[in-house]
């Protein structure tokens, strides 16, 4: 039996070609980026960037222009940005869906506990009402004392 087959010993570390990354840190970063991509500030920044790009490549001297009129390089840059933004947004949405699922489960458990407590309190209140209906009230005692006093007065 080799050491890799034994369950009471840790496996030996293997080198892999895959890069190691912290999934949680990457997820938080993707959420921050997705949150920024959904703001008006991002739209203003992108509009200014594209405007400056276009103005520069139309009105700058010929030797300083790096992307002539059809702006092929700009299209490539925007496509590259979109190809990274879409998966980051999806990753952020998946993480939010996971959080929502956990929150929903906690809310459901809380609702079940509340329902059980309300049913218990309802039974307790019903029991108290039944017990109070058998207990003599102040008005009942007052009327009985008045009736006894009248009987005593009649006997005298």
N, C-alpha and C. Protein backbone atom coordinates (compact mmCIF):
# COMPACT_ATOMS: atom_id res chain seq x y z
N UNK A 1 0.85 -1.18 0.00
CA UNK A 1 0.00 0.00 0.00
C UNK A 1 0.90 1.24 0.00
N UNK A 2 0.69 2.13 -0.94
CA UNK A 2 1.50 3.35 -1.02
C UNK A 2 0.91 4.41 -0.11
N UNK A 3 1.68 5.46 0.10
CA UNK A 3 1.22 6.53 0.99
C UNK A 3 0.04 7.29 0.41
N UNK A 4 -0.14 7.26 -0.91
CA UNK A 4 -1.29 7.97 -1.49
C UNK A 4 -2.58 7.19 -1.31
N UNK A 5 -2.48 5.88 -1.07
CA UNK A 5 -3.65 5.06 -0.87
C UNK A 5 -4.13 5.09 0.58
N UNK A 6 -3.31 5.53 1.47
CA UNK A 6 -3.67 5.54 2.88
C UNK A 6 -4.52 6.76 3.20
N UNK A 7 -5.58 6.54 3.96
CA UNK A 7 -6.47 7.64 4.32
C UNK A 7 -6.05 8.35 5.59
N UNK A 8 -5.14 7.76 6.35
CA UNK A 8 -4.71 8.38 7.59
C UNK A 8 -3.50 9.30 7.41
N UNK A 9 -3.06 9.49 6.17
CA UNK A 9 -1.93 10.36 5.89
C UNK A 9 -2.31 11.34 4.78
N UNK A 10 -1.84 12.57 4.90
CA UNK A 10 -2.16 13.54 3.84
C UNK A 10 -1.47 13.18 2.53
N UNK A 11 -2.07 13.61 1.47
CA UNK A 11 -1.47 13.37 0.16
C UNK A 11 -0.25 14.26 -0.02
N UNK A 12 0.62 13.80 -0.88
CA UNK A 12 1.78 14.62 -1.20
C UNK A 12 1.35 15.75 -2.12
N UNK A 13 1.99 16.89 -1.93
CA UNK A 13 1.66 18.03 -2.78
C UNK A 13 2.16 17.78 -4.19
N UNK A 14 1.31 18.11 -5.15
CA UNK A 14 1.70 17.95 -6.55
C UNK A 14 1.78 19.32 -7.19
N UNK A 15 2.72 19.47 -8.04
CA UNK A 15 2.83 20.71 -8.80
C UNK A 15 1.90 20.64 -9.98
N UNK A 16 1.19 21.74 -10.22
CA UNK A 16 0.30 21.80 -11.38
C UNK A 16 0.66 23.03 -12.19
N UNK A 17 0.23 23.01 -13.42
CA UNK A 17 0.49 24.16 -14.28
C UNK A 17 -0.58 25.24 -14.14
N UNK A 18 -1.67 24.88 -13.48
CA UNK A 18 -2.74 25.86 -13.28
C UNK A 18 -2.33 26.90 -12.24
N UNK A 19 -2.62 28.16 -12.49
CA UNK A 19 -2.30 29.17 -11.48
C UNK A 19 -3.26 29.05 -10.30
N UNK A 20 -2.76 29.35 -9.12
CA UNK A 20 -3.58 29.32 -7.91
C UNK A 20 -4.08 30.73 -7.62
N UNK A 21 -5.35 30.84 -7.30
CA UNK A 21 -5.91 32.14 -6.95
C UNK A 21 -6.95 31.97 -5.86
N UNK A 22 -7.17 33.03 -5.13
CA UNK A 22 -8.16 33.02 -4.06
C UNK A 22 -9.53 33.31 -4.67
N UNK A 23 -10.41 32.32 -4.66
CA UNK A 23 -11.72 32.46 -5.30
C UNK A 23 -12.54 33.56 -4.66
N UNK A 24 -12.45 33.66 -3.35
CA UNK A 24 -13.26 34.68 -2.65
C UNK A 24 -12.78 36.09 -2.98
N UNK A 25 -11.47 36.29 -2.99
CA UNK A 25 -10.93 37.61 -3.34
C UNK A 25 -11.26 37.96 -4.78
N UNK A 26 -11.15 36.98 -5.67
CA UNK A 26 -11.49 37.23 -7.07
C UNK A 26 -12.97 37.55 -7.21
N UNK A 27 -13.81 36.87 -6.46
CA UNK A 27 -15.25 37.14 -6.50
C UNK A 27 -15.57 38.53 -6.00
N UNK A 28 -14.92 38.95 -4.91
CA UNK A 28 -15.15 40.31 -4.40
C UNK A 28 -14.71 41.35 -5.41
N UNK A 29 -13.54 41.11 -6.04
CA UNK A 29 -13.05 42.04 -7.06
C UNK A 29 -14.02 42.12 -8.23
N UNK A 30 -14.54 40.97 -8.66
CA UNK A 30 -15.48 40.98 -9.78
C UNK A 30 -16.76 41.73 -9.41
N UNK A 31 -17.20 41.60 -8.18
CA UNK A 31 -18.39 42.35 -7.75
C UNK A 31 -18.13 43.85 -7.76
N UNK A 32 -16.95 44.26 -7.31
CA UNK A 32 -16.62 45.68 -7.31
C UNK A 32 -16.57 46.21 -8.75
N UNK A 33 -15.97 45.45 -9.65
CA UNK A 33 -15.89 45.88 -11.05
C UNK A 33 -17.29 45.94 -11.66
N UNK A 34 -18.10 44.91 -11.41
CA UNK A 34 -19.46 44.88 -11.96
C UNK A 34 -20.28 46.03 -11.40
N UNK A 35 -20.09 46.33 -10.11
CA UNK A 35 -20.81 47.45 -9.51
C UNK A 35 -20.40 48.77 -10.17
N UNK A 36 -19.10 48.91 -10.49
CA UNK A 36 -18.62 50.13 -11.14
C UNK A 36 -19.14 50.22 -12.57
N UNK A 37 -19.17 49.07 -13.28
CA UNK A 37 -19.62 49.09 -14.68
C UNK A 37 -21.08 49.48 -14.80
N UNK A 38 -21.84 49.34 -13.75
CA UNK A 38 -23.25 49.69 -13.78
C UNK A 38 -23.56 51.09 -13.30
N UNK A 39 -22.57 51.98 -13.28
CA UNK A 39 -22.81 53.33 -12.77
C UNK A 39 -22.79 54.35 -13.90
N UNK A 40 -23.37 55.50 -13.60
CA UNK A 40 -23.34 56.60 -14.56
C UNK A 40 -21.91 57.12 -14.72
N UNK A 41 -21.12 57.04 -13.67
CA UNK A 41 -19.73 57.50 -13.73
C UNK A 41 -18.97 56.73 -14.81
N UNK A 42 -19.17 55.40 -14.86
CA UNK A 42 -18.50 54.59 -15.89
C UNK A 42 -18.94 55.04 -17.28
N UNK A 43 -20.23 55.27 -17.46
CA UNK A 43 -20.72 55.72 -18.77
C UNK A 43 -20.11 57.06 -19.17
N UNK A 44 -19.99 57.95 -18.21
CA UNK A 44 -19.37 59.25 -18.51
C UNK A 44 -17.91 59.04 -18.87
N UNK A 45 -17.18 58.24 -18.09
CA UNK A 45 -15.77 57.98 -18.38
C UNK A 45 -15.60 57.38 -19.77
N UNK A 46 -16.42 56.38 -20.11
CA UNK A 46 -16.30 55.74 -21.42
C UNK A 46 -16.64 56.72 -22.54
N UNK A 47 -17.65 57.55 -22.33
CA UNK A 47 -18.03 58.54 -23.35
C UNK A 47 -16.90 59.54 -23.57
N UNK A 48 -16.30 60.01 -22.48
CA UNK A 48 -15.18 60.94 -22.60
C UNK A 48 -14.00 60.25 -23.29
N UNK A 49 -13.71 59.01 -22.90
CA UNK A 49 -12.60 58.26 -23.50
C UNK A 49 -12.81 58.09 -25.01
N UNK A 50 -14.00 57.66 -25.42
CA UNK A 50 -14.28 57.45 -26.85
C UNK A 50 -14.26 58.79 -27.58
N UNK A 51 -14.78 59.83 -26.95
CA UNK A 51 -14.78 61.16 -27.58
C UNK A 51 -13.36 61.67 -27.80
N UNK A 52 -12.53 61.55 -26.78
CA UNK A 52 -11.13 61.99 -26.92
C UNK A 52 -10.41 61.16 -27.98
N UNK A 53 -10.67 59.84 -27.97
CA UNK A 53 -10.07 58.96 -28.97
C UNK A 53 -10.44 59.41 -30.38
N UNK A 54 -11.73 59.65 -30.58
CA UNK A 54 -12.20 60.06 -31.91
C UNK A 54 -11.66 61.43 -32.31
N UNK A 55 -11.71 62.39 -31.42
CA UNK A 55 -11.22 63.73 -31.73
C UNK A 55 -9.72 63.69 -32.03
N UNK A 56 -8.98 62.94 -31.22
CA UNK A 56 -7.53 62.84 -31.42
C UNK A 56 -7.22 62.26 -32.80
N UNK A 57 -7.91 61.18 -33.16
CA UNK A 57 -7.59 60.49 -34.40
C UNK A 57 -8.21 61.14 -35.64
N UNK A 58 -9.00 62.16 -35.46
CA UNK A 58 -9.54 62.91 -36.62
C UNK A 58 -8.80 64.23 -36.78
N UNK A 59 -8.55 64.94 -35.69
CA UNK A 59 -8.00 66.29 -35.79
C UNK A 59 -6.52 66.41 -35.46
N UNK A 60 -5.91 65.38 -34.93
CA UNK A 60 -4.48 65.46 -34.61
C UNK A 60 -3.67 65.44 -35.92
N UNK A 61 -2.42 65.93 -35.86
CA UNK A 61 -1.58 65.85 -37.06
C UNK A 61 -1.44 64.39 -37.50
N UNK A 62 -1.26 64.22 -38.79
CA UNK A 62 -1.25 62.89 -39.41
C UNK A 62 -0.26 61.93 -38.74
N UNK A 63 0.92 62.42 -38.38
CA UNK A 63 1.93 61.53 -37.81
C UNK A 63 1.60 61.14 -36.36
N UNK A 64 0.66 61.82 -35.68
CA UNK A 64 0.27 61.46 -34.30
C UNK A 64 -0.98 60.59 -34.24
N UNK A 65 -1.66 60.42 -35.36
CA UNK A 65 -2.86 59.58 -35.38
C UNK A 65 -2.43 58.12 -35.35
N UNK A 66 -3.03 57.36 -34.44
CA UNK A 66 -2.69 55.95 -34.32
C UNK A 66 -3.84 55.02 -34.71
N UNK A 67 -5.04 55.59 -34.93
CA UNK A 67 -6.20 54.77 -35.31
C UNK A 67 -7.05 55.58 -36.28
N UNK A 68 -6.82 55.43 -37.60
CA UNK A 68 -7.55 56.25 -38.56
C UNK A 68 -9.06 55.99 -38.53
N UNK A 69 -9.80 56.78 -39.31
CA UNK A 69 -11.25 56.94 -39.19
C UNK A 69 -12.08 55.71 -38.86
N UNK A 70 -12.03 54.61 -39.51
CA UNK A 70 -13.01 53.58 -39.08
C UNK A 70 -12.78 53.14 -37.62
N UNK A 71 -11.69 53.60 -37.02
CA UNK A 71 -11.39 53.33 -35.60
C UNK A 71 -11.43 51.84 -35.29
N UNK A 72 -10.70 51.07 -36.04
CA UNK A 72 -10.65 49.62 -35.86
C UNK A 72 -10.04 49.27 -34.50
N UNK A 73 -8.98 49.98 -34.13
CA UNK A 73 -8.33 49.69 -32.85
C UNK A 73 -9.27 50.02 -31.69
N UNK A 74 -10.05 51.09 -31.79
CA UNK A 74 -11.02 51.44 -30.76
C UNK A 74 -12.07 50.34 -30.65
N UNK A 75 -12.54 49.84 -31.78
CA UNK A 75 -13.51 48.76 -31.77
C UNK A 75 -12.92 47.52 -31.08
N UNK A 76 -11.68 47.22 -31.38
CA UNK A 76 -11.01 46.10 -30.75
C UNK A 76 -10.91 46.29 -29.24
N UNK A 77 -10.55 47.49 -28.81
CA UNK A 77 -10.42 47.78 -27.38
C UNK A 77 -11.77 47.66 -26.67
N UNK A 78 -12.83 48.18 -27.29
CA UNK A 78 -14.15 48.08 -26.67
C UNK A 78 -14.64 46.64 -26.63
N UNK A 79 -14.33 45.87 -27.66
CA UNK A 79 -14.70 44.45 -27.67
C UNK A 79 -13.95 43.70 -26.58
N UNK A 80 -12.69 44.02 -26.40
CA UNK A 80 -11.90 43.39 -25.35
C UNK A 80 -12.47 43.73 -23.97
N UNK A 81 -12.81 44.98 -23.78
CA UNK A 81 -13.40 45.40 -22.51
C UNK A 81 -14.73 44.67 -22.26
N UNK A 82 -15.56 44.55 -23.29
CA UNK A 82 -16.84 43.86 -23.14
C UNK A 82 -16.64 42.37 -22.89
N UNK A 83 -15.62 41.78 -23.51
CA UNK A 83 -15.40 40.34 -23.31
C UNK A 83 -14.94 40.04 -21.89
N UNK A 84 -14.33 40.99 -21.21
CA UNK A 84 -13.98 40.80 -19.81
C UNK A 84 -15.12 41.22 -18.89
N UNK A 85 -15.86 42.23 -19.28
CA UNK A 85 -16.93 42.74 -18.41
C UNK A 85 -18.07 41.74 -18.28
N UNK A 86 -18.45 41.09 -19.37
CA UNK A 86 -19.60 40.18 -19.33
C UNK A 86 -19.39 39.03 -18.34
N UNK A 87 -18.28 38.30 -18.39
CA UNK A 87 -18.12 37.23 -17.39
C UNK A 87 -18.00 37.74 -15.96
N UNK A 88 -17.39 38.91 -15.78
CA UNK A 88 -17.30 39.47 -14.43
C UNK A 88 -18.69 39.81 -13.89
N UNK A 89 -19.53 40.35 -14.74
CA UNK A 89 -20.89 40.68 -14.32
C UNK A 89 -21.66 39.40 -14.01
N UNK A 90 -21.50 38.37 -14.83
CA UNK A 90 -22.17 37.10 -14.56
C UNK A 90 -21.68 36.48 -13.25
N UNK A 91 -20.39 36.55 -13.00
CA UNK A 91 -19.84 36.02 -11.76
C UNK A 91 -20.43 36.76 -10.56
N UNK A 92 -20.50 38.08 -10.66
CA UNK A 92 -21.09 38.88 -9.57
C UNK A 92 -22.56 38.52 -9.38
N UNK A 93 -23.29 38.31 -10.47
CA UNK A 93 -24.70 37.94 -10.35
C UNK A 93 -24.85 36.57 -9.71
N UNK A 94 -23.99 35.64 -10.05
CA UNK A 94 -24.05 34.32 -9.44
C UNK A 94 -23.78 34.39 -7.94
N UNK A 95 -22.80 35.19 -7.56
CA UNK A 95 -22.52 35.35 -6.13
C UNK A 95 -23.70 35.99 -5.41
N UNK A 96 -24.34 36.97 -6.06
CA UNK A 96 -25.51 37.61 -5.45
C UNK A 96 -26.66 36.61 -5.35
N UNK A 97 -26.82 35.77 -6.37
CA UNK A 97 -27.88 34.75 -6.32
C UNK A 97 -27.62 33.78 -5.18
N UNK A 98 -26.37 33.42 -4.95
CA UNK A 98 -26.03 32.53 -3.83
C UNK A 98 -26.37 33.18 -2.50
N UNK A 99 -26.01 34.47 -2.36
CA UNK A 99 -26.35 35.19 -1.13
C UNK A 99 -27.86 35.29 -0.95
N UNK A 100 -28.57 35.56 -2.04
CA UNK A 100 -30.03 35.65 -1.97
C UNK A 100 -30.64 34.31 -1.56
N UNK A 101 -30.08 33.21 -2.05
CA UNK A 101 -30.58 31.88 -1.71
C UNK A 101 -30.40 31.63 -0.22
N UNK A 102 -29.23 31.98 0.32
CA UNK A 102 -28.98 31.79 1.74
C UNK A 102 -29.91 32.68 2.56
N UNK A 103 -30.10 33.92 2.13
CA UNK A 103 -30.99 34.84 2.84
C UNK A 103 -32.42 34.33 2.81
N UNK A 104 -32.85 33.81 1.67
CA UNK A 104 -34.19 33.27 1.55
C UNK A 104 -34.38 32.10 2.52
N UNK A 105 -33.39 31.23 2.61
CA UNK A 105 -33.48 30.09 3.52
C UNK A 105 -33.56 30.56 4.97
N UNK A 106 -32.76 31.56 5.33
CA UNK A 106 -32.82 32.08 6.69
C UNK A 106 -34.16 32.75 6.97
N UNK A 107 -34.69 33.48 5.98
CA UNK A 107 -36.00 34.11 6.15
C UNK A 107 -37.10 33.06 6.31
N UNK A 108 -37.00 31.97 5.53
CA UNK A 108 -37.99 30.91 5.63
C UNK A 108 -37.95 30.25 7.01
N UNK A 109 -36.74 30.00 7.52
CA UNK A 109 -36.62 29.40 8.86
C UNK A 109 -37.16 30.34 9.92
N UNK A 110 -36.89 31.63 9.78
CA UNK A 110 -37.40 32.60 10.74
C UNK A 110 -38.93 32.65 10.69
N UNK A 111 -39.49 32.60 9.49
CA UNK A 111 -40.95 32.62 9.35
C UNK A 111 -41.57 31.38 9.98
N UNK A 112 -40.93 30.22 9.81
CA UNK A 112 -41.44 29.00 10.44
C UNK A 112 -41.40 29.11 11.96
N UNK A 113 -40.30 29.64 12.50
CA UNK A 113 -40.22 29.82 13.96
C UNK A 113 -41.29 30.79 14.43
N UNK A 114 -41.47 31.90 13.70
CA UNK A 114 -42.49 32.87 14.09
C UNK A 114 -43.88 32.26 14.05
N UNK A 115 -44.16 31.46 13.02
CA UNK A 115 -45.47 30.81 12.90
C UNK A 115 -45.70 29.87 14.07
N UNK A 116 -44.67 29.11 14.44
CA UNK A 116 -44.81 28.19 15.58
C UNK A 116 -45.04 28.96 16.87
N UNK A 117 -44.34 30.06 17.06
CA UNK A 117 -44.52 30.87 18.27
C UNK A 117 -45.92 31.48 18.30
N UNK A 118 -46.41 31.94 17.16
CA UNK A 118 -47.74 32.53 17.10
C UNK A 118 -48.81 31.48 17.42
N UNK A 119 -48.64 30.27 16.88
CA UNK A 119 -49.59 29.20 17.19
C UNK A 119 -49.57 28.87 18.68
N UNK A 120 -48.38 28.83 19.26
CA UNK A 120 -48.26 28.55 20.69
C UNK A 120 -48.95 29.64 21.50
N UNK A 121 -48.68 30.91 21.17
CA UNK A 121 -49.30 32.01 21.91
C UNK A 121 -50.81 32.02 21.72
N UNK A 122 -51.27 31.66 20.54
CA UNK A 122 -52.72 31.60 20.30
C UNK A 122 -53.36 30.54 21.18
N UNK A 123 -52.72 29.38 21.29
CA UNK A 123 -53.25 28.32 22.17
C UNK A 123 -53.23 28.77 23.63
N UNK A 124 -52.16 29.48 24.02
CA UNK A 124 -52.08 29.97 25.40
C UNK A 124 -53.19 30.98 25.69
N UNK A 125 -53.42 31.90 24.76
CA UNK A 125 -54.47 32.90 24.96
C UNK A 125 -55.84 32.23 25.03
N UNK A 126 -56.08 31.24 24.16
CA UNK A 126 -57.35 30.52 24.20
C UNK A 126 -57.52 29.82 25.54
N UNK A 127 -56.45 29.21 26.05
CA UNK A 127 -56.51 28.56 27.36
C UNK A 127 -56.80 29.55 28.47
N UNK A 128 -56.17 30.72 28.41
CA UNK A 128 -56.42 31.75 29.43
C UNK A 128 -57.86 32.24 29.37
N UNK A 129 -58.39 32.40 28.17
CA UNK A 129 -59.78 32.84 28.04
C UNK A 129 -60.74 31.81 28.62
N UNK A 130 -60.44 30.54 28.36
CA UNK A 130 -61.30 29.49 28.91
C UNK A 130 -61.20 29.48 30.44
N UNK A 131 -59.99 29.66 30.96
CA UNK A 131 -59.81 29.67 32.41
C UNK A 131 -60.49 30.90 33.02
N UNK A 132 -60.41 32.03 32.36
CA UNK A 132 -61.04 33.25 32.89
C UNK A 132 -62.57 33.16 32.86
N UNK A 133 -63.11 32.42 31.90
CA UNK A 133 -64.56 32.32 31.86
C UNK A 133 -65.08 31.53 33.04
N UNK A 134 -64.25 30.68 33.66
CA UNK A 134 -64.64 29.92 34.84
C UNK A 134 -64.37 30.68 36.12
N UNK A 135 -63.61 31.73 36.10
CA UNK A 135 -63.26 32.50 37.29
C UNK A 135 -64.33 33.57 37.50
N UNK A 136 -64.67 33.76 38.74
CA UNK A 136 -65.68 34.78 39.07
C UNK A 136 -65.09 36.16 38.86
N UNK A 137 -65.83 37.00 38.18
CA UNK A 137 -65.37 38.36 37.93
C UNK A 137 -65.82 39.27 39.06
N UNK A 138 -65.31 40.46 39.08
CA UNK A 138 -65.66 41.44 40.10
C UNK A 138 -67.14 41.79 40.05
N UNK A 139 -67.65 41.97 38.84
CA UNK A 139 -69.07 42.30 38.70
C UNK A 139 -69.95 41.16 39.19
N UNK A 140 -69.53 39.93 38.88
CA UNK A 140 -70.31 38.78 39.32
C UNK A 140 -70.33 38.72 40.85
N UNK A 141 -69.15 38.88 41.48
CA UNK A 141 -69.08 38.86 42.94
C UNK A 141 -69.89 39.98 43.55
N UNK A 142 -69.84 41.14 42.94
CA UNK A 142 -70.59 42.30 43.45
C UNK A 142 -72.08 42.02 43.39
N UNK A 143 -72.55 41.46 42.29
CA UNK A 143 -73.99 41.16 42.16
C UNK A 143 -74.41 40.08 43.16
N UNK A 144 -73.54 39.08 43.43
CA UNK A 144 -73.88 38.02 44.39
C UNK A 144 -73.95 38.58 45.80
N UNK A 145 -73.00 39.46 46.13
CA UNK A 145 -73.03 40.08 47.47
C UNK A 145 -74.29 40.91 47.63
N UNK A 146 -74.67 41.66 46.59
CA UNK A 146 -75.90 42.46 46.64
C UNK A 146 -77.12 41.56 46.83
N UNK A 147 -77.16 40.44 46.12
CA UNK A 147 -78.29 39.52 46.25
C UNK A 147 -78.36 38.94 47.66
N UNK A 148 -77.20 38.56 48.23
CA UNK A 148 -77.18 38.03 49.60
C UNK A 148 -77.61 39.09 50.60
N UNK A 149 -77.18 40.32 50.41
CA UNK A 149 -77.60 41.40 51.31
C UNK A 149 -79.10 41.60 51.25
N UNK A 150 -79.65 41.53 50.07
CA UNK A 150 -81.12 41.69 49.94
C UNK A 150 -81.84 40.53 50.62
N UNK A 151 -81.32 39.31 50.49
CA UNK A 151 -81.93 38.16 51.17
C UNK A 151 -81.88 38.34 52.67
N UNK A 152 -80.74 38.83 53.20
CA UNK A 152 -80.62 39.05 54.65
C UNK A 152 -81.58 40.13 55.12
N UNK A 153 -81.76 41.16 54.34
CA UNK A 153 -82.68 42.23 54.70
C UNK A 153 -84.12 41.72 54.72
N UNK A 154 -84.40 40.86 53.77
CA UNK A 154 -85.77 40.31 53.72
C UNK A 154 -86.03 39.40 54.91
N UNK A 155 -85.07 38.66 55.41
CA UNK A 155 -85.24 37.76 56.52
C UNK A 155 -85.38 38.54 57.84
N UNK A 156 -84.86 39.68 57.92
CA UNK A 156 -84.94 40.46 59.17
C UNK A 156 -86.24 41.10 59.22
